[in-house]
Amino acid sequence: MSEFLPILLIAAAGFVGLWIIFYFVPVALWFQAILSGTKVNLLQLALMRIRKVPPSIIVNAMIAAKKAGIILTLDQLEAHFLAGGHVRNVVNALISADKANIPLDFNMATAIDLAGRDVFEAVTMSVNPKVIDTPPVAAVAKDGIQLIAKARVTVRASIKQLVGGAGEDTILARVGEGIVTSIGSAESHKKVLENPDSISKVVLARGLDSGTAFEILSIDIADVDIGKNIGAALQIDQAEADKNIAQAKAEERRAMAVALEQEMKAKAQEARAKVIEAEAEIPRAIAEAFRSGNLGIMDYYKMKNIQADTEMRDSIAKPAQKSTPTARKKKEE
């Protein structure tokens, strides 16, 4: 058994060596490229392994491009892969664009791919336009009626504007803005319901696809629903606010009137107190006149008779009044 051990070790080492050689030197892939009419250097394939570039992706992409009549080099594809690009997407996009007569070169395709956009999907959208459904857009006509519209936007990718052009979100935002403007400028919501195509005409005339990665082909209004009567609701809110303001002002005037009434009552009480105080001085003045000799007994009686005559004439001149609780209360006050 020990005699065969060196032979087994040599065989194992040879097998591992061959596996390493065929891994780093993909002879089968090189032979496949030769049969496909694509010139590939075997040393370049081995160096790809060292640079951690999958030779199968590069060679298969190059074979596909060759069969489609597009001339590409290994260095171009390998450089794009090392830059973080998607080689298969780029090659498939170039083939599709060539078949659809869409002008697209390798530099433009790689720039679009490295910009983060799917270049193959962009070419597909250029051939087969995409339909984007907008979310419900609410707008109010001049008569105060709210309308809720939904639109379908048919767009086609613009290859030249894919790098740096705005995306679908910008298209949807601009279309929504155009719908709001179109409905808001309508005199009546009935006109919009009668001619919903007037919305799409106004929106299309605004050139909403400028600066975007798409070209708007058509805008179709899919549905228009009637919402709330915003004008009436605003008028009701305004009337309620005016009523609250008027009530607050009335309450303010009432409070001022009550305060003024209380102030006048206080002034009346103050004046009555002064009268009582003045009347209290009369007996003192009479007593002082008696002491000083300026007033005699007969003069005092004459004054009392004059007061009695005056009170009798007042009672004869005034009509008799019934004694009601209100009158008694006023008399007591």
C-alpha atoms as a PDB file:
ATOM      1  CA  MET A   1       0.000   0.000   0.000  1.00  0.00           C
ATOM      2  CA  SER A   2       2.880   2.270   0.789  1.00  0.00           C
ATOM      3  CA  GLU A   3       4.165   1.748  -2.731  1.00  0.00           C
ATOM      4  CA  PHE A   4       1.078   3.425  -4.252  1.00  0.00           C
ATOM      5  CA  LEU A   5       1.017   6.376  -1.841  1.00  0.00           C
ATOM      6  CA  PRO A   6       3.521   8.535  -3.798  1.00  0.00           C
ATOM      7  CA  ILE A   7       1.632   7.776  -7.013  1.00  0.00           C
ATOM      8  CA  LEU A   8      -1.665   8.844  -5.413  1.00  0.00           C
ATOM      9  CA  LEU A   9      -0.124  12.029  -4.092  1.00  0.00           C
ATOM     10  CA  ILE A  10       1.336  12.840  -7.485  1.00  0.00           C
ATOM     11  CA  ALA A  11      -2.036  12.171  -9.147  1.00  0.00           C
ATOM     12  CA  ALA A  12      -3.849  14.353  -6.636  1.00  0.00           C
ATOM     13  CA  ALA A  13      -1.327  17.138  -7.066  1.00  0.00           C
ATOM     14  CA  GLY A  14      -1.627  16.843 -10.839  1.00  0.00           C
ATOM     15  CA  PHE A  15      -5.422  16.976 -10.645  1.00  0.00           C
ATOM     16  CA  VAL A  16      -5.322  20.086  -8.444  1.00  0.00           C
ATOM     17  CA  GLY A  17      -2.785  21.666 -10.750  1.00  0.00           C
ATOM     18  CA  LEU A  18      -4.913  20.990 -13.809  1.00  0.00           C
ATOM     19  CA  TRP A  19      -7.984  22.410 -12.038  1.00  0.00           C
ATOM     20  CA  ILE A  20      -6.079  25.576 -11.161  1.00  0.00           C
ATOM     21  CA  ILE A  21      -4.768  25.890 -14.723  1.00  0.00           C
ATOM     22  CA  PHE A  22      -8.193  25.393 -16.311  1.00  0.00           C
ATOM     23  CA  TYR A  23      -9.774  27.773 -13.751  1.00  0.00           C
ATOM     24  CA  PHE A  24      -7.373  30.588 -14.496  1.00  0.00           C
ATOM     25  CA  VAL A  25      -7.125  29.699 -18.194  1.00  0.00           C
ATOM     26  CA  PRO A  26     -10.711  29.058 -19.405  1.00  0.00           C
ATOM     27  CA  VAL A  27      -9.843  27.026 -22.466  1.00  0.00           C
ATOM     28  CA  ALA A  28     -13.438  25.955 -23.053  1.00  0.00           C
ATOM     29  CA  LEU A  29     -14.615  29.581 -23.072  1.00  0.00           C
ATOM     30  CA  TRP A  30     -11.775  30.535 -25.413  1.00  0.00           C
ATOM     31  CA  PHE A  31     -12.669  27.689 -27.747  1.00  0.00           C
ATOM     32  CA  GLN A  32     -16.352  28.766 -27.675  1.00  0.00           C
ATOM     33  CA  ALA A  33     -15.372  32.324 -28.650  1.00  0.00           C
ATOM     34  CA  ILE A  34     -13.199  31.057 -31.511  1.00  0.00           C
ATOM     35  CA  LEU A  35     -16.080  28.964 -32.862  1.00  0.00           C
ATOM     36  CA  SER A  36     -18.364  32.013 -32.669  1.00  0.00           C
ATOM     37  CA  GLY A  37     -15.999  34.067 -34.783  1.00  0.00           C
ATOM     38  CA  THR A  38     -14.855  36.271 -31.928  1.00  0.00           C
ATOM     39  CA  LYS A  39     -11.155  36.879 -31.518  1.00  0.00           C
ATOM     40  CA  VAL A  40     -10.181  36.436 -27.884  1.00  0.00           C
ATOM     41  CA  ASN A  41      -6.675  36.224 -26.455  1.00  0.00           C
ATOM     42  CA  LEU A  42      -6.239  33.323 -24.036  1.00  0.00           C
ATOM     43  CA  LEU A  43      -3.842  35.370 -21.930  1.00  0.00           C
ATOM     44  CA  GLN A  44      -6.468  38.127 -21.534  1.00  0.00           C
ATOM     45  CA  LEU A  45      -8.934  35.563 -20.200  1.00  0.00           C
ATOM     46  CA  ALA A  46      -6.381  34.407 -17.644  1.00  0.00           C
ATOM     47  CA  LEU A  47      -5.671  37.992 -16.568  1.00  0.00           C
ATOM     48  CA  MET A  48      -9.411  38.581 -16.118  1.00  0.00           C
ATOM     49  CA  ARG A  49      -9.444  35.926 -13.414  1.00  0.00           C
ATOM     50  CA  ILE A  50      -6.620  37.701 -11.641  1.00  0.00           C
ATOM     51  CA  ARG A  51      -8.495  41.059 -11.890  1.00  0.00           C
ATOM     52  CA  LYS A  52     -11.614  39.314 -10.516  1.00  0.00           C
ATOM     53  CA  VAL A  53     -13.602  39.840 -13.707  1.00  0.00           C
ATOM     54  CA  PRO A  54     -15.844  36.885 -14.717  1.00  0.00           C
ATOM     55  CA  PRO A  55     -14.632  35.917 -18.222  1.00  0.00           C
ATOM     56  CA  SER A  56     -17.925  34.184 -19.031  1.00  0.00           C
ATOM     57  CA  ILE A  57     -19.915  37.434 -18.686  1.00  0.00           C
ATOM     58  CA  ILE A  58     -17.508  39.399 -20.871  1.00  0.00           C
ATOM     59  CA  VAL A  59     -17.072  36.723 -23.543  1.00  0.00           C
ATOM     60  CA  ASN A  60     -20.780  35.856 -23.772  1.00  0.00           C
ATOM     61  CA  ALA A  61     -21.664  39.557 -24.070  1.00  0.00           C
ATOM     62  CA  MET A  62     -19.032  40.015 -26.748  1.00  0.00           C
ATOM     63  CA  ILE A  63     -20.313  36.969 -28.684  1.00  0.00           C
ATOM     64  CA  ALA A  64     -23.897  38.287 -28.531  1.00  0.00           C
ATOM     65  CA  ALA A  65     -22.792  41.699 -29.789  1.00  0.00           C
ATOM     66  CA  LYS A  66     -20.754  40.092 -32.573  1.00  0.00           C
ATOM     67  CA  LYS A  67     -23.710  38.010 -33.741  1.00  0.00           C
ATOM     68  CA  ALA A  68     -25.881  41.181 -33.786  1.00  0.00           C
ATOM     69  CA  GLY A  69     -23.353  43.032 -35.903  1.00  0.00           C
ATOM     70  CA  ILE A  70     -22.069  45.299 -33.130  1.00  0.00           C
ATOM     71  CA  ILE A  71     -18.324  45.542 -32.776  1.00  0.00           C
ATOM     72  CA  LEU A  72     -17.101  45.688 -29.181  1.00  0.00           C
ATOM     73  CA  THR A  73     -13.734  44.926 -27.579  1.00  0.00           C
ATOM     74  CA  LEU A  74     -12.835  43.035 -24.447  1.00  0.00           C
ATOM     75  CA  ASP A  75     -11.219  46.123 -22.971  1.00  0.00           C
ATOM     76  CA  GLN A  76     -14.451  48.172 -23.333  1.00  0.00           C
ATOM     77  CA  LEU A  77     -16.610  45.536 -21.660  1.00  0.00           C
ATOM     78  CA  GLU A  78     -14.066  44.809 -18.942  1.00  0.00           C
ATOM     79  CA  ALA A  79     -13.616  48.513 -18.159  1.00  0.00           C
ATOM     80  CA  HIS A  80     -17.370  48.955 -17.837  1.00  0.00           C
ATOM     81  CA  PHE A  81     -17.622  45.942 -15.523  1.00  0.00           C
ATOM     82  CA  LEU A  82     -14.814  47.238 -13.312  1.00  0.00           C
ATOM     83  CA  ALA A  83     -16.587  50.635 -13.139  1.00  0.00           C
ATOM     84  CA  GLY A  84     -19.595  48.888 -11.573  1.00  0.00           C
ATOM     85  CA  GLY A  85     -21.747  48.652 -14.694  1.00  0.00           C
ATOM     86  CA  HIS A  86     -24.067  45.915 -15.926  1.00  0.00           C
ATOM     87  CA  VAL A  87     -22.448  44.494 -19.053  1.00  0.00           C
ATOM     88  CA  ARG A  88     -25.320  42.260 -20.093  1.00  0.00           C
ATOM     89  CA  ASN A  89     -27.884  45.098 -19.816  1.00  0.00           C
ATOM     90  CA  VAL A  90     -25.688  47.401 -21.904  1.00  0.00           C
ATOM     91  CA  VAL A  91     -25.154  44.832 -24.652  1.00  0.00           C
ATOM     92  CA  ASN A  92     -28.827  43.862 -24.716  1.00  0.00           C
ATOM     93  CA  ALA A  93     -29.766  47.547 -24.924  1.00  0.00           C
ATOM     94  CA  LEU A  94     -27.347  48.106 -27.823  1.00  0.00           C
ATOM     95  CA  ILE A  95     -28.784  45.117 -29.697  1.00  0.00           C
ATOM     96  CA  SER A  96     -32.398  46.228 -29.121  1.00  0.00           C
ATOM     97  CA  ALA A  97     -31.636  49.816 -30.126  1.00  0.00           C
ATOM     98  CA  ASP A  98     -29.873  48.651 -33.284  1.00  0.00           C
ATOM     99  CA  LYS A  99     -32.848  46.478 -34.283  1.00  0.00           C
ATOM    100  CA  ALA A 100     -35.302  49.331 -33.590  1.00  0.00           C
ATOM    101  CA  ASN A 101     -33.194  51.923 -35.461  1.00  0.00           C
ATOM    102  CA  ILE A 102     -32.710  53.952 -32.279  1.00  0.00           C
ATOM    103  CA  PRO A 103     -29.422  55.905 -32.230  1.00  0.00           C
ATOM    104  CA  LEU A 104     -27.456  54.586 -29.249  1.00  0.00           C
ATOM    105  CA  ASP A 105     -23.704  54.091 -29.056  1.00  0.00           C
ATOM    106  CA  PHE A 106     -21.638  52.254 -26.466  1.00  0.00           C
ATOM    107  CA  ASN A 107     -20.487  55.395 -24.624  1.00  0.00           C
ATOM    108  CA  MET A 108     -24.051  56.677 -24.231  1.00  0.00           C
ATOM    109  CA  ALA A 109     -25.303  53.267 -23.089  1.00  0.00           C
ATOM    110  CA  THR A 110     -22.567  52.899 -20.469  1.00  0.00           C
ATOM    111  CA  ALA A 111     -23.151  56.470 -19.247  1.00  0.00           C
ATOM    112  CA  ILE A 112     -26.866  55.753 -18.775  1.00  0.00           C
ATOM    113  CA  ASP A 113     -26.076  52.478 -17.002  1.00  0.00           C
ATOM    114  CA  LEU A 114     -23.538  54.050 -14.651  1.00  0.00           C
ATOM    115  CA  ALA A 115     -26.014  56.864 -13.893  1.00  0.00           C
ATOM    116  CA  GLY A 116     -28.193  54.273 -12.185  1.00  0.00           C
ATOM    117  CA  ARG A 117     -30.858  53.849 -14.855  1.00  0.00           C
ATOM    118  CA  ASP A 118     -31.803  50.578 -16.527  1.00  0.00           C
ATOM    119  CA  VAL A 119     -30.639  51.233 -20.079  1.00  0.00           C
ATOM    120  CA  PHE A 120     -32.308  48.110 -21.455  1.00  0.00           C
ATOM    121  CA  GLU A 121     -35.643  49.137 -19.915  1.00  0.00           C
ATOM    122  CA  ALA A 122     -35.178  52.629 -21.375  1.00  0.00           C
ATOM    123  CA  VAL A 123     -34.711  51.222 -24.865  1.00  0.00           C
ATOM    124  CA  THR A 124     -37.737  48.990 -24.332  1.00  0.00           C
ATOM    125  CA  MET A 125     -39.799  52.032 -23.324  1.00  0.00           C
ATOM    126  CA  SER A 126     -38.629  53.839 -26.435  1.00  0.00           C
ATOM    127  CA  VAL A 127     -40.044  51.010 -28.558  1.00  0.00           C
ATOM    128  CA  ASN A 128     -43.056  50.215 -26.386  1.00  0.00           C
ATOM    129  CA  PRO A 129     -44.338  53.351 -24.565  1.00  0.00           C
ATOM    130  CA  LYS A 130     -45.321  53.039 -20.909  1.00  0.00           C
ATOM    131  CA  VAL A 131     -48.643  54.088 -19.378  1.00  0.00           C
ATOM    132  CA  ILE A 132     -48.470  55.791 -15.981  1.00  0.00           C
ATOM    133  CA  ASP A 133     -51.625  56.143 -13.872  1.00  0.00           C
ATOM    134  CA  THR A 134     -51.751  59.311 -11.801  1.00  0.00           C
ATOM    135  CA  PRO A 135     -53.175  59.292  -8.285  1.00  0.00           C
ATOM    136  CA  PRO A 136     -56.538  61.057  -7.763  1.00  0.00           C
ATOM    137  CA  VAL A 137     -56.066  64.811  -8.184  1.00  0.00           C
ATOM    138  CA  ALA A 138     -58.590  67.082  -6.407  1.00  0.00           C
ATOM    139  CA  ALA A 139     -59.245  70.583  -7.746  1.00  0.00           C
ATOM    140  CA  VAL A 140     -61.986  73.211  -7.341  1.00  0.00           C
ATOM    141  CA  ALA A 141     -63.736  74.985 -10.232  1.00  0.00           C
ATOM    142  CA  LYS A 142     -64.726  78.650 -10.035  1.00  0.00           C
ATOM    143  CA  ASP A 143     -68.279  77.747  -8.964  1.00  0.00           C
ATOM    144  CA  GLY A 144     -66.868  76.133  -5.798  1.00  0.00           C
ATOM    145  CA  ILE A 145     -67.490  72.467  -6.728  1.00  0.00           C
ATOM    146  CA  GLN A 146     -64.621  70.057  -6.132  1.00  0.00           C
ATOM    147  CA  LEU A 147     -63.687  67.604  -8.890  1.00  0.00           C
ATOM    148  CA  ILE A 148     -61.462  64.552  -8.459  1.00  0.00           C
ATOM    149  CA  ALA A 149     -59.724  63.497 -11.677  1.00  0.00           C
ATOM    150  CA  LYS A 150     -57.560  60.523 -12.617  1.00  0.00           C
ATOM    151  CA  ALA A 151     -55.364  60.569 -15.712  1.00  0.00           C
ATOM    152  CA  ARG A 152     -53.315  58.080 -17.717  1.00  0.00           C
ATOM    153  CA  VAL A 153     -50.063  59.444 -19.080  1.00  0.00           C
ATOM    154  CA  THR A 154     -48.432  57.636 -21.996  1.00  0.00           C
ATOM    155  CA  VAL A 155     -44.689  58.315 -22.012  1.00  0.00           C
ATOM    156  CA  ARG A 156     -41.748  57.210 -24.102  1.00  0.00           C
ATOM    157  CA  ALA A 157     -38.174  57.187 -22.855  1.00  0.00           C
ATOM    158  CA  SER A 158     -35.924  59.855 -24.339  1.00  0.00           C
ATOM    159  CA  ILE A 159     -32.475  58.305 -24.741  1.00  0.00           C
ATOM    160  CA  LYS A 160     -30.704  61.642 -25.022  1.00  0.00           C
ATOM    161  CA  GLN A 161     -32.191  62.947 -21.755  1.00  0.00           C
ATOM    162  CA  LEU A 162     -31.818  59.829 -19.613  1.00  0.00           C
ATOM    163  CA  VAL A 163     -28.615  61.179 -18.090  1.00  0.00           C
ATOM    164  CA  GLY A 164     -29.610  64.069 -15.836  1.00  0.00           C
ATOM    165  CA  GLY A 165     -33.310  63.973 -16.768  1.00  0.00           C
ATOM    166  CA  ALA A 166     -36.070  63.890 -14.161  1.00  0.00           C
ATOM    167  CA  GLY A 167     -37.988  60.682 -13.504  1.00  0.00           C
ATOM    168  CA  GLU A 168     -41.594  59.540 -13.322  1.00  0.00           C
ATOM    169  CA  ASP A 169     -42.305  61.375 -10.062  1.00  0.00           C
ATOM    170  CA  THR A 170     -41.664  64.707 -11.782  1.00  0.00           C
ATOM    171  CA  ILE A 171     -43.991  63.770 -14.649  1.00  0.00           C
ATOM    172  CA  LEU A 172     -46.768  62.866 -12.191  1.00  0.00           C
ATOM    173  CA  ALA A 173     -46.268  66.072 -10.199  1.00  0.00           C
ATOM    174  CA  ARG A 174     -46.392  68.253 -13.309  1.00  0.00           C
ATOM    175  CA  VAL A 175     -49.455  66.490 -14.703  1.00  0.00           C
ATOM    176  CA  GLY A 176     -51.215  66.886 -11.344  1.00  0.00           C
ATOM    177  CA  GLU A 177     -50.350  70.587 -11.308  1.00  0.00           C
ATOM    178  CA  GLY A 178     -51.698  70.975 -14.853  1.00  0.00           C
ATOM    179  CA  ILE A 179     -54.960  69.224 -13.941  1.00  0.00           C
ATOM    180  CA  VAL A 180     -55.441  71.513 -10.936  1.00  0.00           C
ATOM    181  CA  THR A 181     -54.780  74.597 -13.086  1.00  0.00           C
ATOM    182  CA  SER A 182     -57.145  73.448 -15.831  1.00  0.00           C
ATOM    183  CA  ILE A 183     -60.030  72.653 -13.480  1.00  0.00           C
ATOM    184  CA  GLY A 184     -59.411  75.791 -11.404  1.00  0.00           C
ATOM    185  CA  SER A 185     -59.687  78.020 -14.489  1.00  0.00           C
ATOM    186  CA  ALA A 186     -63.035  76.492 -15.555  1.00  0.00           C
ATOM    187  CA  GLU A 187     -66.081  78.705 -14.946  1.00  0.00           C
ATOM    188  CA  SER A 188     -68.264  75.750 -13.948  1.00  0.00           C
ATOM    189  CA  HIS A 189     -67.677  72.143 -13.035  1.00  0.00           C
ATOM    190  CA  LYS A 190     -70.357  71.176 -15.547  1.00  0.00           C
ATOM    191  CA  LYS A 191     -68.154  72.354 -18.417  1.00  0.00           C
ATOM    192  CA  VAL A 192     -65.361  70.100 -17.210  1.00  0.00           C
ATOM    193  CA  LEU A 193     -67.724  67.132 -16.950  1.00  0.00           C
ATOM    194  CA  GLU A 194     -69.059  67.830 -20.448  1.00  0.00           C
ATOM    195  CA  ASN A 195     -65.596  68.117 -22.010  1.00  0.00           C
ATOM    196  CA  PRO A 196     -62.980  66.260 -19.938  1.00  0.00           C
ATOM    197  CA  ASP A 197     -60.634  66.298 -22.931  1.00  0.00           C
ATOM    198  CA  SER A 198     -60.222  70.041 -22.367  1.00  0.00           C
ATOM    199  CA  ILE A 199     -58.086  69.140 -19.339  1.00  0.00           C
ATOM    200  CA  SER A 200     -55.699  66.989 -21.372  1.00  0.00           C
ATOM    201  CA  LYS A 201     -55.422  69.663 -24.087  1.00  0.00           C
ATOM    202  CA  VAL A 202     -54.448  72.332 -21.564  1.00  0.00           C
ATOM    203  CA  VAL A 203     -51.980  70.026 -19.810  1.00  0.00           C
ATOM    204  CA  LEU A 204     -50.319  68.878 -23.040  1.00  0.00           C
ATOM    205  CA  ALA A 205     -49.901  72.463 -24.197  1.00  0.00           C
ATOM    206  CA  ARG A 206     -47.759  73.259 -21.135  1.00  0.00           C
ATOM    207  CA  GLY A 207     -44.787  71.137 -22.300  1.00  0.00           C
ATOM    208  CA  LEU A 208     -44.512  69.159 -19.085  1.00  0.00           C
ATOM    209  CA  ASP A 209     -41.855  66.759 -20.394  1.00  0.00           C
ATOM    210  CA  SER A 210     -39.138  69.393 -20.700  1.00  0.00           C
ATOM    211  CA  GLY A 211     -36.082  68.515 -18.634  1.00  0.00           C
ATOM    212  CA  THR A 212     -37.289  64.960 -17.980  1.00  0.00           C
ATOM    213  CA  ALA A 213     -36.084  61.580 -19.209  1.00  0.00           C
ATOM    214  CA  PHE A 214     -39.400  60.981 -20.979  1.00  0.00           C
ATOM    215  CA  GLU A 215     -41.476  62.290 -23.837  1.00  0.00           C
ATOM    216  CA  ILE A 216     -45.198  62.620 -23.145  1.00  0.00           C
ATOM    217  CA  LEU A 217     -47.201  61.145 -26.008  1.00  0.00           C
ATOM    218  CA  SER A 218     -50.716  61.619 -24.626  1.00  0.00           C
ATOM    219  CA  ILE A 219     -52.650  62.448 -21.477  1.00  0.00           C
ATOM    220  CA  ASP A 220     -56.057  60.816 -21.188  1.00  0.00           C
ATOM    221  CA  ILE A 221     -58.566  61.595 -18.432  1.00  0.00           C
ATOM    222  CA  ALA A 222     -59.683  58.210 -17.121  1.00  0.00           C
ATOM    223  CA  ASP A 223     -62.234  59.348 -14.554  1.00  0.00           C
ATOM    224  CA  VAL A 224     -63.755  62.556 -13.132  1.00  0.00           C
ATOM    225  CA  ASP A 225     -65.818  62.444  -9.927  1.00  0.00           C
ATOM    226  CA  ILE A 226     -67.670  65.224  -8.114  1.00  0.00           C
ATOM    227  CA  GLY A 227     -66.397  65.900  -4.608  1.00  0.00           C
ATOM    228  CA  LYS A 228     -67.521  68.364  -1.960  1.00  0.00           C
ATOM    229  CA  ASN A 229     -69.110  71.787  -2.443  1.00  0.00           C
ATOM    230  CA  ILE A 230     -66.059  73.660  -1.242  1.00  0.00           C
ATOM    231  CA  GLY A 231     -67.538  77.078  -2.042  1.00  0.00           C
ATOM    232  CA  ALA A 232     -70.624  76.489   0.098  1.00  0.00           C
ATOM    233  CA  ALA A 233     -68.522  75.067   2.914  1.00  0.00           C
ATOM    234  CA  LEU A 234     -66.289  78.153   2.867  1.00  0.00           C
ATOM    235  CA  GLN A 235     -69.320  80.459   2.909  1.00  0.00           C
ATOM    236  CA  ILE A 236     -70.811  78.545   5.845  1.00  0.00           C
ATOM    237  CA  ASP A 237     -67.538  78.782   7.737  1.00  0.00           C
ATOM    238  CA  GLN A 238     -67.300  82.512   6.980  1.00  0.00           C
ATOM    239  CA  ALA A 239     -70.900  83.096   8.089  1.00  0.00           C
ATOM    240  CA  GLU A 240     -70.248  81.172  11.310  1.00  0.00           C
ATOM    241  CA  ALA A 241     -67.122  83.238  11.931  1.00  0.00           C
ATOM    242  CA  ASP A 242     -69.041  86.489  11.279  1.00  0.00           C
ATOM    243  CA  LYS A 243     -71.803  85.365  13.662  1.00  0.00           C
ATOM    244  CA  ASN A 244     -69.296  84.607  16.396  1.00  0.00           C
ATOM    245  CA  ILE A 245     -67.664  88.006  15.903  1.00  0.00           C
ATOM    246  CA  ALA A 246     -71.047  89.773  16.045  1.00  0.00           C
ATOM    247  CA  GLN A 247     -71.989  87.861  19.202  1.00  0.00           C
ATOM    248  CA  ALA A 248     -68.698  88.780  20.820  1.00  0.00           C
ATOM    249  CA  LYS A 249     -69.193  92.473  19.968  1.00  0.00           C
ATOM    250  CA  ALA A 250     -72.797  92.390  21.257  1.00  0.00           C
ATOM    251  CA  GLU A 251     -71.633  90.777  24.482  1.00  0.00           C
ATOM    252  CA  GLU A 252     -68.988  93.463  24.802  1.00  0.00           C
ATOM    253  CA  ARG A 253     -71.594  96.237  24.364  1.00  0.00           C
ATOM    254  CA  ARG A 254     -73.911  94.553  26.884  1.00  0.00           C
ATOM    255  CA  ALA A 255     -71.126  94.317  29.420  1.00  0.00           C
ATOM    256  CA  MET A 256     -70.286  97.996  28.881  1.00  0.00           C
ATOM    257  CA  ALA A 257     -73.963  98.919  29.311  1.00  0.00           C
ATOM    258  CA  VAL A 258     -74.203  96.938  32.551  1.00  0.00           C
ATOM    259  CA  ALA A 259     -71.026  98.558  33.816  1.00  0.00           C
ATOM    260  CA  LEU A 260     -72.348 102.025  32.913  1.00  0.00           C
ATOM    261  CA  GLU A 261     -75.654 101.280  34.662  1.00  0.00           C
ATOM    262  CA  GLN A 262     -73.861 100.239  37.817  1.00  0.00           C
ATOM    263  CA  GLU A 263     -71.720 103.350  37.599  1.00  0.00           C
ATOM    264  CA  MET A 264     -74.798 105.587  37.279  1.00  0.00           C
ATOM    265  CA  LYS A 265     -76.432 103.862  40.260  1.00  0.00           C
ATOM    266  CA  ALA A 266     -73.315 104.485  42.288  1.00  0.00           C
ATOM    267  CA  LYS A 267     -73.321 108.160  41.264  1.00  0.00           C
ATOM    268  CA  ALA A 268     -77.039 108.442  42.192  1.00  0.00           C
ATOM    269  CA  GLN A 269     -76.342 106.958  45.611  1.00  0.00           C
ATOM    270  CA  GLU A 270     -73.468 109.350  46.038  1.00  0.00           C
ATOM    271  CA  ALA A 271     -75.648 112.331  45.081  1.00  0.00           C
ATOM    272  CA  ARG A 272     -78.432 111.162  47.423  1.00  0.00           C
ATOM    273  CA  ALA A 273     -75.896 110.900  50.221  1.00  0.00           C
ATOM    274  CA  LYS A 274     -74.790 114.466  49.559  1.00  0.00           C
ATOM    275  CA  VAL A 275     -78.434 115.667  49.626  1.00  0.00           C
ATOM    276  CA  ILE A 276     -79.039 113.905  52.922  1.00  0.00           C
ATOM    277  CA  GLU A 277     -75.859 115.395  54.269  1.00  0.00           C
ATOM    278  CA  ALA A 278     -76.964 118.853  53.136  1.00  0.00           C
ATOM    279  CA  GLU A 279     -80.441 118.376  54.654  1.00  0.00           C
ATOM    280  CA  ALA A 280     -78.818 117.403  57.931  1.00  0.00           C
ATOM    281  CA  GLU A 281     -77.150 120.834  58.039  1.00  0.00           C
ATOM    282  CA  ILE A 282     -80.503 122.678  57.894  1.00  0.00           C
ATOM    283  CA  PRO A 283     -81.496 122.033  61.536  1.00  0.00           C
ATOM    284  CA  ARG A 284     -78.022 123.048  62.623  1.00  0.00           C
ATOM    285  CA  ALA A 285     -78.284 126.276  60.644  1.00  0.00           C
ATOM    286  CA  ILE A 286     -81.723 127.040  62.141  1.00  0.00           C
ATOM    287  CA  ALA A 287     -80.431 126.375  65.662  1.00  0.00           C
ATOM    288  CA  GLU A 288     -77.427 128.608  65.002  1.00  0.00           C
ATOM    289  CA  ALA A 289     -79.796 131.335  63.710  1.00  0.00           C
ATOM    290  CA  PHE A 290     -81.873 131.052  66.898  1.00  0.00           C
ATOM    291  CA  ARG A 291     -78.782 131.375  69.060  1.00  0.00           C
ATOM    292  CA  SER A 292     -77.413 134.300  67.121  1.00  0.00           C
ATOM    293  CA  GLY A 293     -80.815 136.098  67.077  1.00  0.00           C
ATOM    294  CA  ASN A 294     -81.106 136.146  63.310  1.00  0.00           C
ATOM    295  CA  LEU A 295     -84.282 134.019  63.417  1.00  0.00           C
ATOM    296  CA  GLY A 296     -87.261 134.415  65.676  1.00  0.00           C
ATOM    297  CA  ILE A 297     -90.069 132.122  66.671  1.00  0.00           C
ATOM    298  CA  MET A 298     -92.570 133.858  64.418  1.00  0.00           C
ATOM    299  CA  ASP A 299     -90.208 133.689  61.474  1.00  0.00           C
ATOM    300  CA  TYR A 300     -89.835 129.941  62.025  1.00  0.00           C
ATOM    301  CA  TYR A 301     -93.601 129.405  62.132  1.00  0.00           C
ATOM    302  CA  LYS A 302     -94.058 131.476  58.966  1.00  0.00           C
ATOM    303  CA  MET A 303     -91.477 129.256  57.195  1.00  0.00           C
ATOM    304  CA  LYS A 304     -93.274 126.097  58.341  1.00  0.00           C
ATOM    305  CA  ASN A 305     -96.636 127.497  57.114  1.00  0.00           C
ATOM    306  CA  ILE A 306     -95.136 128.289  53.728  1.00  0.00           C
ATOM    307  CA  GLN A 307     -93.772 124.703  53.471  1.00  0.00           C
ATOM    308  CA  ALA A 308     -97.182 123.277  54.420  1.00  0.00           C
ATOM    309  CA  ASP A 309     -98.957 125.442  51.836  1.00  0.00           C
ATOM    310  CA  THR A 310     -96.477 124.376  49.168  1.00  0.00           C
ATOM    311  CA  GLU A 311     -96.956 120.676  49.945  1.00  0.00           C
ATOM    312  CA  MET A 312    -100.782 121.128  49.878  1.00  0.00           C
ATOM    313  CA  ARG A 313    -100.684 122.828  46.458  1.00  0.00           C
ATOM    314  CA  ASP A 314     -98.425 120.056  45.086  1.00  0.00           C
ATOM    315  CA  SER A 315    -100.808 117.357  46.293  1.00  0.00           C
ATOM    316  CA  ILE A 316    -103.818 119.175  44.748  1.00  0.00           C
ATOM    317  CA  ALA A 317    -102.027 119.725  41.423  1.00  0.00           C
ATOM    318  CA  LYS A 318    -100.894 116.066  41.015  1.00  0.00           C
ATOM    319  CA  PRO A 319    -103.520 113.369  40.143  1.00  0.00           C
ATOM    320  CA  ALA A 320    -104.058 110.574  42.613  1.00  0.00           C
ATOM    321  CA  GLN A 321    -101.949 107.497  41.828  1.00  0.00           C
ATOM    322  CA  LYS A 322    -102.771 103.943  42.732  1.00  0.00           C
ATOM    323  CA  SER A 323    -100.413 102.397  45.150  1.00  0.00           C
ATOM    324  CA  THR A 324     -98.969  99.466  43.208  1.00  0.00           C
ATOM    325  CA  PRO A 325     -96.129  97.241  44.381  1.00  0.00           C
ATOM    326  CA  THR A 326     -93.848  98.849  41.795  1.00  0.00           C
ATOM    327  CA  ALA A 327     -94.869 102.357  42.924  1.00  0.00           C
ATOM    328  CA  ARG A 328     -94.344 101.430  46.552  1.00  0.00           C
ATOM    329  CA  LYS A 329     -90.955  99.997  45.712  1.00  0.00           C
ATOM    330  CA  LYS A 330     -89.954 103.173  43.858  1.00  0.00           C
ATOM    331  CA  LYS A 331     -91.289 105.279  46.739  1.00  0.00           C
ATOM    332  CA  GLU A 332     -89.295 103.264  49.219  1.00  0.00           C
ATOM    333  CA  GLU A 333     -86.176 103.698  47.063  1.00  0.00           C
END
